[in-house]
């Protein structure tokens, strides 16, 4: 299981480079490339927070809205059989396929908590 850093609603990865003897990462779930690095976990966490703050400050200075992680919609390719079965199940329950998917994801995440 991967650990993610979190600051001001943004998430960042934690990677290690044995060759360079350092830790590094980048902001996740946005298109902009925002990276950071450190030699210790504490340095990496601080660099991550600074990278998020700098990204937000740069967006503000350029009068651009910062990207928000995970805008609330995504495409899922599940194959014909699963798509058909889910569509039939949703129809039988008189709900949309989006609602069925949302419920299934919520139940899955609740079980993992």
PDB file of N, CA and C in Angstrom:
ATOM      1  N   UNK A   1       0.845  -1.181   0.000  1.00  0.00           N
ATOM      2  CA  UNK A   1       0.000   0.000   0.000  1.00  0.00           C
ATOM      3  C   UNK A   1       0.886   1.237   0.000  1.00  0.00           C
ATOM      4  N   UNK A   2       0.598   2.166  -0.898  1.00  0.00           N
ATOM      5  CA  UNK A   2       1.360   3.400  -1.009  1.00  0.00           C
ATOM      6  C   UNK A   2       0.864   4.425  -0.002  1.00  0.00           C
ATOM      7  N   UNK A   3       1.794   5.186   0.526  1.00  0.00           N
ATOM      8  CA  UNK A   3       1.468   6.282   1.418  1.00  0.00           C
ATOM      9  C   UNK A   3       1.497   7.574   0.612  1.00  0.00           C
ATOM     10  N   UNK A   4       0.543   8.432   0.875  1.00  0.00           N
ATOM     11  CA  UNK A   4       0.488   9.731   0.212  1.00  0.00           C
ATOM     12  C   UNK A   4       0.586  10.832   1.255  1.00  0.00           C
ATOM     13  N   UNK A   5       1.245  11.914   0.896  1.00  0.00           N
ATOM     14  CA  UNK A   5       1.275  13.111   1.722  1.00  0.00           C
ATOM     15  C   UNK A   5       0.036  13.927   1.404  1.00  0.00           C
ATOM     16  N   UNK A   6      -0.458  14.711   2.365  1.00  0.00           N
ATOM     17  CA  UNK A   6      -1.637  15.546   2.130  1.00  0.00           C
ATOM     18  C   UNK A   6      -1.418  16.919   2.753  1.00  0.00           C
ATOM     19  N   UNK A   7      -1.764  17.958   1.962  1.00  0.00           N
ATOM     20  CA  UNK A   7      -1.645  19.342   2.437  1.00  0.00           C
ATOM     21  C   UNK A   7      -2.588  20.211   1.613  1.00  0.00           C
ATOM     22  N   UNK A   8      -3.469  20.929   2.277  1.00  0.00           N
ATOM     23  CA  UNK A   8      -4.381  21.879   1.638  1.00  0.00           C
ATOM     24  C   UNK A   8      -5.203  21.251   0.509  1.00  0.00           C
ATOM     25  N   UNK A   9      -5.574  19.977   0.695  1.00  0.00           N
ATOM     26  CA  UNK A   9      -6.401  19.292  -0.288  1.00  0.00           C
ATOM     27  C   UNK A   9      -5.632  18.665  -1.432  1.00  0.00           C
ATOM     28  N   UNK A  10      -4.321  18.743  -1.418  1.00  0.00           N
ATOM     29  CA  UNK A  10      -3.482  18.153  -2.455  1.00  0.00           C
ATOM     30  C   UNK A  10      -2.751  16.947  -1.892  1.00  0.00           C
ATOM     31  N   UNK A  11      -2.483  15.988  -2.768  1.00  0.00           N
ATOM     32  CA  UNK A  11      -1.797  14.757  -2.384  1.00  0.00           C
ATOM     33  C   UNK A  11      -0.495  14.650  -3.134  1.00  0.00           C
ATOM     34  N   UNK A  12       0.502  14.072  -2.477  1.00  0.00           N
ATOM     35  CA  UNK A  12       1.799  13.899  -3.114  1.00  0.00           C
ATOM     36  C   UNK A  12       2.355  12.514  -2.875  1.00  0.00           C
ATOM     37  N   UNK A  13       3.127  12.041  -3.839  1.00  0.00           N
ATOM     38  CA  UNK A  13       3.734  10.709  -3.750  1.00  0.00           C
ATOM     39  C   UNK A  13       5.024  10.768  -2.940  1.00  0.00           C
ATOM     40  N   UNK A  14       5.447   9.582  -2.530  1.00  0.00           N
ATOM     41  CA  UNK A  14       6.727   9.412  -1.836  1.00  0.00           C
ATOM     42  C   UNK A  14       7.481   8.319  -2.587  1.00  0.00           C
ATOM     43  N   UNK A  15       8.605   8.692  -3.185  1.00  0.00           N
ATOM     44  CA  UNK A  15       9.429   7.750  -3.943  1.00  0.00           C
ATOM     45  C   UNK A  15      10.854   7.825  -3.401  1.00  0.00           C
ATOM     46  N   UNK A  16      11.615   6.757  -3.634  1.00  0.00           N
ATOM     47  CA  UNK A  16      13.009   6.721  -3.190  1.00  0.00           C
ATOM     48  C   UNK A  16      13.917   6.474  -4.386  1.00  0.00           C
ATOM     49  N   UNK A  17      15.061   7.137  -4.389  1.00  0.00           N
ATOM     50  CA  UNK A  17      16.091   6.913  -5.408  1.00  0.00           C
ATOM     51  C   UNK A  17      17.363   6.452  -4.701  1.00  0.00           C
ATOM     52  N   UNK A  18      17.562   5.129  -4.626  1.00  0.00           N
ATOM     53  CA  UNK A  18      18.784   4.632  -3.978  1.00  0.00           C
ATOM     54  C   UNK A  18      20.057   5.138  -4.657  1.00  0.00           C
ATOM     55  N   UNK A  19      20.004   5.312  -5.992  1.00  0.00           N
ATOM     56  CA  UNK A  19      21.185   5.781  -6.720  1.00  0.00           C
ATOM     57  C   UNK A  19      21.601   7.181  -6.277  1.00  0.00           C
ATOM     58  N   UNK A  20      20.603   8.042  -6.046  1.00  0.00           N
ATOM     59  CA  UNK A  20      20.873   9.427  -5.653  1.00  0.00           C
ATOM     60  C   UNK A  20      20.803   9.625  -4.145  1.00  0.00           C
ATOM     61  N   UNK A  21      20.429   8.581  -3.426  1.00  0.00           N
ATOM     62  CA  UNK A  21      20.297   8.643  -1.967  1.00  0.00           C
ATOM     63  C   UNK A  21      19.373   9.784  -1.539  1.00  0.00           C
ATOM     64  N   UNK A  22      18.200   9.848  -2.201  1.00  0.00           N
ATOM     65  CA  UNK A  22      17.250  10.894  -1.830  1.00  0.00           C
ATOM     66  C   UNK A  22      15.823  10.378  -1.988  1.00  0.00           C
ATOM     67  N   UNK A  23      14.906  11.126  -1.444  1.00  0.00           N
ATOM     68  CA  UNK A  23      13.480  10.884  -1.588  1.00  0.00           C
ATOM     69  C   UNK A  23      12.921  11.960  -2.499  1.00  0.00           C
ATOM     70  N   UNK A  24      11.888  11.623  -3.244  1.00  0.00           N
ATOM     71  CA  UNK A  24      11.289  12.604  -4.140  1.00  0.00           C
ATOM     72  C   UNK A  24       9.816  12.253  -4.332  1.00  0.00           C
ATOM     73  N   UNK A  25       9.087  13.177  -4.921  1.00  0.00           N
ATOM     74  CA  UNK A  25       7.682  12.922  -5.206  1.00  0.00           C
ATOM     75  C   UNK A  25       7.121  14.005  -6.098  1.00  0.00           C
ATOM     76  N   UNK A  26       5.838  13.843  -6.427  1.00  0.00           N
ATOM     77  CA  UNK A  26       5.139  14.845  -7.226  1.00  0.00           C
ATOM     78  C   UNK A  26       3.691  14.883  -6.800  1.00  0.00           C
ATOM     79  N   UNK A  27       3.039  16.007  -7.084  1.00  0.00           N
ATOM     80  CA  UNK A  27       1.621  16.128  -6.769  1.00  0.00           C
ATOM     81  C   UNK A  27       0.846  15.137  -7.617  1.00  0.00           C
ATOM     82  N   UNK A  28      -0.134  14.513  -7.015  1.00  0.00           N
ATOM     83  CA  UNK A  28      -0.945  13.508  -7.675  1.00  0.00           C
ATOM     84  C   UNK A  28      -2.313  14.077  -8.038  1.00  0.00           C
ATOM     85  N   UNK A  29      -2.936  13.482  -9.020  1.00  0.00           N
ATOM     86  CA  UNK A  29      -4.326  13.748  -9.394  1.00  0.00           C
ATOM     87  C   UNK A  29      -4.553  15.120 -10.020  1.00  0.00           C
ATOM     88  N   UNK A  30      -3.462  15.773 -10.498  1.00  0.00           N
ATOM     89  CA  UNK A  30      -3.580  16.988 -11.306  1.00  0.00           C
ATOM     90  C   UNK A  30      -2.639  16.826 -12.500  1.00  0.00           C
ATOM     91  N   UNK A  31      -2.888  17.607 -13.557  1.00  0.00           N
ATOM     92  CA  UNK A  31      -2.042  17.509 -14.756  1.00  0.00           C
ATOM     93  C   UNK A  31      -0.728  18.259 -14.604  1.00  0.00           C
ATOM     94  N   UNK A  32      -0.728  19.356 -13.881  1.00  0.00           N
ATOM     95  CA  UNK A  32       0.503  20.145 -13.722  1.00  0.00           C
ATOM     96  C   UNK A  32       1.580  19.289 -13.054  1.00  0.00           C
ATOM     97  N   UNK A  33       2.809  19.444 -13.529  1.00  0.00           N
ATOM     98  CA  UNK A  33       3.918  18.716 -12.926  1.00  0.00           C
ATOM     99  C   UNK A  33       4.521  19.567 -11.815  1.00  0.00           C
ATOM    100  N   UNK A  34       4.305  19.148 -10.591  1.00  0.00           N
ATOM    101  CA  UNK A  34       4.847  19.829  -9.417  1.00  0.00           C
ATOM    102  C   UNK A  34       5.595  18.766  -8.622  1.00  0.00           C
ATOM    103  N   UNK A  35       6.915  18.905  -8.542  1.00  0.00           N
ATOM    104  CA  UNK A  35       7.730  17.894  -7.872  1.00  0.00           C
ATOM    105  C   UNK A  35       8.482  18.507  -6.692  1.00  0.00           C
ATOM    106  N   UNK A  36       9.048  17.628  -5.883  1.00  0.00           N
ATOM    107  CA  UNK A  36       9.768  18.038  -4.674  1.00  0.00           C
ATOM    108  C   UNK A  36      10.713  16.904  -4.290  1.00  0.00           C
ATOM    109  N   UNK A  37      11.699  17.216  -3.452  1.00  0.00           N
ATOM    110  CA  UNK A  37      12.624  16.181  -2.994  1.00  0.00           C
ATOM    111  C   UNK A  37      13.224  16.555  -1.648  1.00  0.00           C
ATOM    112  N   UNK A  38      13.793  15.558  -0.994  1.00  0.00           N
ATOM    113  CA  UNK A  38      14.451  15.751   0.285  1.00  0.00           C
ATOM    114  C   UNK A  38      15.322  14.554   0.604  1.00  0.00           C
ATOM    115  N   UNK A  39      16.199  14.710   1.563  1.00  0.00           N
ATOM    116  CA  UNK A  39      17.082  13.608   1.948  1.00  0.00           C
ATOM    117  C   UNK A  39      16.490  12.769   3.071  1.00  0.00           C
ATOM    118  N   UNK A  40      15.560  13.332   3.827  1.00  0.00           N
ATOM    119  CA  UNK A  40      14.900  12.601   4.911  1.00  0.00           C
ATOM    120  C   UNK A  40      13.390  12.714   4.725  1.00  0.00           C
ATOM    121  N   UNK A  41      12.652  11.908   5.439  1.00  0.00           N
ATOM    122  CA  UNK A  41      11.196  11.987   5.369  1.00  0.00           C
ATOM    123  C   UNK A  41      10.727  13.362   5.821  1.00  0.00           C
ATOM    124  N   UNK A  42      11.309  13.885   6.883  1.00  0.00           N
ATOM    125  CA  UNK A  42      10.921  15.211   7.369  1.00  0.00           C
ATOM    126  C   UNK A  42      11.193  16.278   6.305  1.00  0.00           C
ATOM    127  N   UNK A  43      12.343  16.203   5.635  1.00  0.00           N
ATOM    128  CA  UNK A  43      12.657  17.167   4.570  1.00  0.00           C
ATOM    129  C   UNK A  43      11.689  17.017   3.389  1.00  0.00           C
ATOM    130  N   UNK A  44      11.345  15.775   3.056  1.00  0.00           N
ATOM    131  CA  UNK A  44      10.418  15.539   1.957  1.00  0.00           C
ATOM    132  C   UNK A  44       9.045  16.114   2.276  1.00  0.00           C
ATOM    133  N   UNK A  45       8.572  15.895   3.497  1.00  0.00           N
ATOM    134  CA  UNK A  45       7.268  16.433   3.896  1.00  0.00           C
ATOM    135  C   UNK A  45       7.260  17.949   3.836  1.00  0.00           C
ATOM    136  N   UNK A  46       8.320  18.576   4.281  1.00  0.00           N
ATOM    137  CA  UNK A  46       8.414  20.042   4.231  1.00  0.00           C
ATOM    138  C   UNK A  46       8.475  20.529   2.787  1.00  0.00           C
ATOM    139  N   UNK A  47       9.258  19.856   1.955  1.00  0.00           N
ATOM    140  CA  UNK A  47       9.359  20.237   0.542  1.00  0.00           C
ATOM    141  C   UNK A  47       8.005  20.069  -0.152  1.00  0.00           C
ATOM    142  N   UNK A  48       7.253  19.032   0.206  1.00  0.00           N
ATOM    143  CA  UNK A  48       5.917  18.827  -0.353  1.00  0.00           C
ATOM    144  C   UNK A  48       5.005  19.990   0.010  1.00  0.00           C
ATOM    145  N   UNK A  49       4.970  20.358   1.298  1.00  0.00           N
ATOM    146  CA  UNK A  49       4.122  21.478   1.723  1.00  0.00           C
ATOM    147  C   UNK A  49       4.524  22.767   1.005  1.00  0.00           C
ATOM    148  N   UNK A  50       5.820  23.015   0.881  1.00  0.00           N
ATOM    149  CA  UNK A  50       6.295  24.206   0.172  1.00  0.00           C
ATOM    150  C   UNK A  50       5.905  24.166  -1.302  1.00  0.00           C
ATOM    151  N   UNK A  51       5.955  22.987  -1.920  1.00  0.00           N
ATOM    152  CA  UNK A  51       5.592  22.856  -3.332  1.00  0.00           C
ATOM    153  C   UNK A  51       4.116  23.160  -3.542  1.00  0.00           C
ATOM    154  N   UNK A  52       3.264  22.674  -2.642  1.00  0.00           N
ATOM    155  CA  UNK A  52       1.830  22.966  -2.742  1.00  0.00           C
ATOM    156  C   UNK A  52       1.597  24.460  -2.577  1.00  0.00           C
ATOM    157  N   UNK A  53       2.189  25.043  -1.538  1.00  0.00           N
ATOM    158  CA  UNK A  53       2.011  26.479  -1.286  1.00  0.00           C
ATOM    159  C   UNK A  53       2.528  27.310  -2.459  1.00  0.00           C
ATOM    160  N   UNK A  54       3.669  26.912  -3.030  1.00  0.00           N
ATOM    161  CA  UNK A  54       4.234  27.633  -4.170  1.00  0.00           C
ATOM    162  C   UNK A  54       3.335  27.486  -5.402  1.00  0.00           C
ATOM    163  N   UNK A  55       2.801  26.305  -5.629  1.00  0.00           N
ATOM    164  CA  UNK A  55       1.890  26.088  -6.757  1.00  0.00           C
ATOM    165  C   UNK A  55       0.677  27.002  -6.636  1.00  0.00           C
ATOM    166  N   UNK A  56       0.087  27.059  -5.450  1.00  0.00           N
ATOM    167  CA  UNK A  56      -1.094  27.907  -5.242  1.00  0.00           C
ATOM    168  C   UNK A  56      -0.750  29.389  -5.377  1.00  0.00           C
ATOM    169  N   UNK A  57       0.403  29.790  -4.868  1.00  0.00           N
ATOM    170  CA  UNK A  57       0.834  31.189  -4.984  1.00  0.00           C
ATOM    171  C   UNK A  57       1.111  31.557  -6.437  1.00  0.00           C
ATOM    172  N   UNK A  58       1.720  30.657  -7.188  1.00  0.00           N
ATOM    173  CA  UNK A  58       1.996  30.908  -8.602  1.00  0.00           C
ATOM    174  C   UNK A  58       0.697  31.054  -9.384  1.00  0.00           C
ATOM    175  N   UNK A  59      -0.257  30.176  -9.114  1.00  0.00           N
ATOM    176  CA  UNK A  59      -1.562  30.279  -9.780  1.00  0.00           C
ATOM    177  C   UNK A  59      -2.219  31.621  -9.467  1.00  0.00           C
ATOM    178  N   UNK A  60      -2.164  32.027  -8.216  1.00  0.00           N
ATOM    179  CA  UNK A  60      -2.764  33.306  -7.824  1.00  0.00           C
ATOM    180  C   UNK A  60      -2.062  34.472  -8.506  1.00  0.00           C
ATOM    181  N   UNK A  61      -0.728  34.433  -8.556  1.00  0.00           N
ATOM    182  CA  UNK A  61       0.029  35.510  -9.186  1.00  0.00           C
ATOM    183  C   UNK A  61      -0.268  35.599 -10.679  1.00  0.00           C
ATOM    184  N   UNK A  62      -0.544  34.469 -11.303  1.00  0.00           N
ATOM    185  CA  UNK A  62      -0.854  34.444 -12.735  1.00  0.00           C
ATOM    186  C   UNK A  62      -2.355  34.581 -12.999  1.00  0.00           C
ATOM    187  N   UNK A  63      -3.095  34.793 -11.933  1.00  0.00           N
ATOM    188  CA  UNK A  63      -4.552  34.929 -12.005  1.00  0.00           C
ATOM    189  C   UNK A  63      -5.196  33.752 -12.728  1.00  0.00           C
ATOM    190  N   UNK A  64      -4.701  32.549 -12.400  1.00  0.00           N
ATOM    191  CA  UNK A  64      -5.249  31.313 -12.951  1.00  0.00           C
ATOM    192  C   UNK A  64      -5.797  30.473 -11.801  1.00  0.00           C
ATOM    193  N   UNK A  65      -6.891  29.803 -12.035  1.00  0.00           N
ATOM    194  CA  UNK A  65      -7.445  28.909 -11.020  1.00  0.00           C
ATOM    195  C   UNK A  65      -6.559  27.671 -10.925  1.00  0.00           C
ATOM    196  N   UNK A  66      -6.163  27.281  -9.721  1.00  0.00           N
ATOM    197  CA  UNK A  66      -5.362  26.062  -9.585  1.00  0.00           C
ATOM    198  C   UNK A  66      -6.221  24.833  -9.905  1.00  0.00           C
ATOM    199  N   UNK A  67      -5.571  23.815 -10.438  1.00  0.00           N
ATOM    200  CA  UNK A  67      -6.285  22.569 -10.676  1.00  0.00           C
ATOM    201  C   UNK A  67      -6.702  21.988  -9.333  1.00  0.00           C
ATOM    202  N   UNK A  68      -7.852  21.364  -9.311  1.00  0.00           N
ATOM    203  CA  UNK A  68      -8.267  20.665  -8.101  1.00  0.00           C
ATOM    204  C   UNK A  68      -8.123  19.170  -8.350  1.00  0.00           C
ATOM    205  N   UNK A  69      -7.635  18.439  -7.361  1.00  0.00           N
ATOM    206  CA  UNK A  69      -7.484  16.996  -7.535  1.00  0.00           C
ATOM    207  C   UNK A  69      -8.847  16.320  -7.708  1.00  0.00           C
ATOM    208  N   UNK A  70      -8.928  15.456  -8.669  1.00  0.00           N
ATOM    209  CA  UNK A  70     -10.126  14.632  -8.880  1.00  0.00           C
ATOM    210  C   UNK A  70     -11.386  15.482  -8.942  1.00  0.00           C
ATOM    211  N   UNK A  71     -11.738  15.901 -10.116  1.00  0.00           N
ATOM    212  CA  UNK A  71     -12.849  16.821 -10.320  1.00  0.00           C
ATOM    213  C   UNK A  71     -14.222  16.218 -10.060  1.00  0.00           C
ATOM    214  N   UNK A  72     -14.309  14.908  -9.907  1.00  0.00           N
ATOM    215  CA  UNK A  72     -15.593  14.301  -9.582  1.00  0.00           C
ATOM    216  C   UNK A  72     -16.173  13.433 -10.676  1.00  0.00           C
ATOM    217  N   UNK A  73     -15.479  13.323 -11.786  1.00  0.00           N
ATOM    218  CA  UNK A  73     -15.933  12.420 -12.841  1.00  0.00           C
ATOM    219  C   UNK A  73     -14.718  11.714 -13.435  1.00  0.00           C
ATOM    220  N   UNK A  74     -14.949  10.478 -13.883  1.00  0.00           N
ATOM    221  CA  UNK A  74     -13.883   9.727 -14.529  1.00  0.00           C
ATOM    222  C   UNK A  74     -14.500   8.659 -15.417  1.00  0.00           C
ATOM    223  N   UNK A  75     -13.742   8.237 -16.404  1.00  0.00           N
ATOM    224  CA  UNK A  75     -14.182   7.182 -17.308  1.00  0.00           C
ATOM    225  C   UNK A  75     -13.617   5.856 -16.835  1.00  0.00           C
ATOM    226  N   UNK A  76     -14.440   4.831 -16.857  1.00  0.00           N
ATOM    227  CA  UNK A  76     -14.007   3.505 -16.445  1.00  0.00           C
ATOM    228  C   UNK A  76     -14.307   2.534 -17.576  1.00  0.00           C
ATOM    229  N   UNK A  77     -13.313   1.804 -18.011  1.00  0.00           N
ATOM    230  CA  UNK A  77     -13.502   0.777 -19.034  1.00  0.00           C
ATOM    231  C   UNK A  77     -13.596  -0.570 -18.323  1.00  0.00           C
ATOM    232  N   UNK A  78     -14.787  -1.141 -18.324  1.00  0.00           N
ATOM    233  CA  UNK A  78     -15.023  -2.373 -17.562  1.00  0.00           C
ATOM    234  C   UNK A  78     -15.302  -3.577 -18.442  1.00  0.00           C
ATOM    235  N   UNK A  79     -15.395  -3.379 -19.720  1.00  0.00           N
ATOM    236  CA  UNK A  79     -15.710  -4.477 -20.619  1.00  0.00           C
ATOM    237  C   UNK A  79     -17.218  -4.607 -20.808  1.00  0.00           C
ATOM    238  N   UNK A  80     -17.598  -5.259 -21.902  1.00  0.00           N
ATOM    239  CA  UNK A  80     -19.000  -5.363 -22.287  1.00  0.00           C
ATOM    240  C   UNK A  80     -19.858  -6.073 -21.246  1.00  0.00           C
ATOM    241  N   UNK A  81     -19.440  -7.240 -20.785  1.00  0.00           N
ATOM    242  CA  UNK A  81     -20.279  -8.046 -19.891  1.00  0.00           C
ATOM    243  C   UNK A  81     -20.566  -7.337 -18.574  1.00  0.00           C
ATOM    244  N   UNK A  82     -19.546  -6.745 -17.974  1.00  0.00           N
ATOM    245  CA  UNK A  82     -19.747  -6.040 -16.704  1.00  0.00           C
ATOM    246  C   UNK A  82     -20.587  -4.782 -16.921  1.00  0.00           C
ATOM    247  N   UNK A  83     -20.362  -4.084 -18.010  1.00  0.00           N
ATOM    248  CA  UNK A  83     -21.142  -2.891 -18.321  1.00  0.00           C
ATOM    249  C   UNK A  83     -22.622  -3.245 -18.475  1.00  0.00           C
ATOM    250  N   UNK A  84     -22.896  -4.309 -19.214  1.00  0.00           N
ATOM    251  CA  UNK A  84     -24.275  -4.727 -19.421  1.00  0.00           C
ATOM    252  C   UNK A  84     -24.922  -5.167 -18.112  1.00  0.00           C
ATOM    253  N   UNK A  85     -24.212  -5.969 -17.335  1.00  0.00           N
ATOM    254  CA  UNK A  85     -24.763  -6.446 -16.062  1.00  0.00           C
ATOM    255  C   UNK A  85     -25.043  -5.285 -15.117  1.00  0.00           C
ATOM    256  N   UNK A  86     -24.138  -4.299 -15.071  1.00  0.00           N
ATOM    257  CA  UNK A  86     -24.344  -3.137 -14.204  1.00  0.00           C
ATOM    258  C   UNK A  86     -25.519  -2.295 -14.689  1.00  0.00           C
ATOM    259  N   UNK A  87     -25.647  -2.144 -15.983  1.00  0.00           N
ATOM    260  CA  UNK A  87     -26.776  -1.375 -16.540  1.00  0.00           C
ATOM    261  C   UNK A  87     -28.106  -2.040 -16.223  1.00  0.00           C
ATOM    262  N   UNK A  88     -28.167  -3.354 -16.358  1.00  0.00           N
ATOM    263  CA  UNK A  88     -29.387  -4.098 -16.035  1.00  0.00           C
ATOM    264  C   UNK A  88     -29.702  -3.963 -14.546  1.00  0.00           C
ATOM    265  N   UNK A  89     -28.697  -4.122 -13.691  1.00  0.00           N
ATOM    266  CA  UNK A  89     -28.906  -4.013 -12.238  1.00  0.00           C
ATOM    267  C   UNK A  89     -29.406  -2.621 -11.866  1.00  0.00           C
ATOM    268  N   UNK A  90     -28.819  -1.596 -12.470  1.00  0.00           N
ATOM    269  CA  UNK A  90     -29.245  -0.222 -12.176  1.00  0.00           C
ATOM    270  C   UNK A  90     -30.691  -0.016 -12.600  1.00  0.00           C
ATOM    271  N   UNK A  91     -31.045  -0.496 -13.783  1.00  0.00           N
ATOM    272  CA  UNK A  91     -32.415  -0.357 -14.277  1.00  0.00           C
ATOM    273  C   UNK A  91     -33.399  -1.081 -13.368  1.00  0.00           C
ATOM    274  N   UNK A  92     -33.028  -2.266 -12.928  1.00  0.00           N
ATOM    275  CA  UNK A  92     -33.911  -3.039 -12.044  1.00  0.00           C
ATOM    276  C   UNK A  92     -34.123  -2.340 -10.706  1.00  0.00           C
ATOM    277  N   UNK A  93     -33.151  -1.543 -10.285  1.00  0.00           N
ATOM    278  CA  UNK A  93     -33.267  -0.805  -9.020  1.00  0.00           C
ATOM    279  C   UNK A  93     -33.808   0.602  -9.237  1.00  0.00           C
ATOM    280  N   UNK A  94     -34.131   0.933 -10.473  1.00  0.00           N
ATOM    281  CA  UNK A  94     -34.633   2.267 -10.845  1.00  0.00           C
ATOM    282  C   UNK A  94     -33.670   3.381 -10.429  1.00  0.00           C
ATOM    283  N   UNK A  95     -32.368   3.130 -10.657  1.00  0.00           N
ATOM    284  CA  UNK A  95     -31.343   4.141 -10.396  1.00  0.00           C
ATOM    285  C   UNK A  95     -30.473   4.252 -11.643  1.00  0.00           C
ATOM    286  N   UNK A  96     -29.688   5.305 -11.706  1.00  0.00           N
ATOM    287  CA  UNK A  96     -28.789   5.482 -12.845  1.00  0.00           C
ATOM    288  C   UNK A  96     -27.535   4.618 -12.665  1.00  0.00           C
ATOM    289  N   UNK A  97     -26.850   4.395 -13.762  1.00  0.00           N
ATOM    290  CA  UNK A  97     -25.580   3.673 -13.702  1.00  0.00           C
ATOM    291  C   UNK A  97     -24.577   4.442 -12.843  1.00  0.00           C
ATOM    292  N   UNK A  98     -24.612   5.777 -12.908  1.00  0.00           N
ATOM    293  CA  UNK A  98     -23.735   6.589 -12.051  1.00  0.00           C
ATOM    294  C   UNK A  98     -24.024   6.334 -10.580  1.00  0.00           C
ATOM    295  N   UNK A  99     -25.311   6.278 -10.206  1.00  0.00           N
ATOM    296  CA  UNK A  99     -25.658   6.026  -8.804  1.00  0.00           C
ATOM    297  C   UNK A  99     -25.212   4.637  -8.365  1.00  0.00           C
ATOM    298  N   UNK A 100     -25.399   3.642  -9.228  1.00  0.00           N
ATOM    299  CA  UNK A 100     -24.956   2.294  -8.894  1.00  0.00           C
ATOM    300  C   UNK A 100     -23.449   2.267  -8.675  1.00  0.00           C
ATOM    301  N   UNK A 101     -22.713   2.926  -9.567  1.00  0.00           N
ATOM    302  CA  UNK A 101     -21.254   2.969  -9.448  1.00  0.00           C
ATOM    303  C   UNK A 101     -20.824   3.706  -8.185  1.00  0.00           C
ATOM    304  N   UNK A 102     -21.481   4.827  -7.899  1.00  0.00           N
ATOM    305  CA  UNK A 102     -21.168   5.602  -6.699  1.00  0.00           C
ATOM    306  C   UNK A 102     -21.401   4.761  -5.444  1.00  0.00           C
ATOM    307  N   UNK A 103     -22.520   4.053  -5.391  1.00  0.00           N
ATOM    308  CA  UNK A 103     -22.826   3.188  -4.233  1.00  0.00           C
ATOM    309  C   UNK A 103     -21.796   2.071  -4.100  1.00  0.00           C
ATOM    310  N   UNK A 104     -21.438   1.447  -5.220  1.00  0.00           N
ATOM    311  CA  UNK A 104     -20.463   0.352  -5.175  1.00  0.00           C
ATOM    312  C   UNK A 104     -19.102   0.851  -4.673  1.00  0.00           C
ATOM    313  N   UNK A 105     -18.667   2.009  -5.163  1.00  0.00           N
ATOM    314  CA  UNK A 105     -17.406   2.577  -4.691  1.00  0.00           C
ATOM    315  C   UNK A 105     -17.463   2.939  -3.209  1.00  0.00           C
ATOM    316  N   UNK A 106     -18.576   3.511  -2.777  1.00  0.00           N
ATOM    317  CA  UNK A 106     -18.735   3.878  -1.360  1.00  0.00           C
ATOM    318  C   UNK A 106     -18.674   2.644  -0.469  1.00  0.00           C
ATOM    319  N   UNK A 107     -19.382   1.593  -0.870  1.00  0.00           N
ATOM    320  CA  UNK A 107     -19.361   0.351  -0.078  1.00  0.00           C
ATOM    321  C   UNK A 107     -17.967  -0.241  -0.030  1.00  0.00           C
ATOM    322  N   UNK A 108     -17.273  -0.252  -1.151  1.00  0.00           N
ATOM    323  CA  UNK A 108     -15.917  -0.779  -1.192  1.00  0.00           C
ATOM    324  C   UNK A 108     -14.992   0.001  -0.247  1.00  0.00           C
ATOM    325  N   UNK A 109     -15.071   1.322  -0.305  1.00  0.00           N
ATOM    326  CA  UNK A 109     -14.208   2.155   0.542  1.00  0.00           C
ATOM    327  C   UNK A 109     -14.560   2.041   2.013  1.00  0.00           C
ATOM    328  N   UNK A 110     -15.848   1.893   2.339  1.00  0.00           N
ATOM    329  CA  UNK A 110     -16.247   1.701   3.734  1.00  0.00           C
ATOM    330  C   UNK A 110     -15.692   0.404   4.295  1.00  0.00           C
ATOM    331  N   UNK A 111     -15.672  -0.651   3.497  1.00  0.00           N
ATOM    332  CA  UNK A 111     -15.150  -1.944   3.939  1.00  0.00           C
ATOM    333  C   UNK A 111     -13.650  -1.882   4.184  1.00  0.00           C
ATOM    334  N   UNK A 112     -12.953  -1.014   3.469  1.00  0.00           N
ATOM    335  CA  UNK A 112     -11.501  -0.889   3.610  1.00  0.00           C
ATOM    336  C   UNK A 112     -11.088   0.022   4.751  1.00  0.00           C
ATOM    337  N   UNK A 113     -12.017   0.810   5.258  1.00  0.00           N
ATOM    338  CA  UNK A 113     -11.680   1.782   6.309  1.00  0.00           C
ATOM    339  C   UNK A 113     -11.400   1.117   7.630  1.00  0.00           C
TER     340      UNK A 113
END
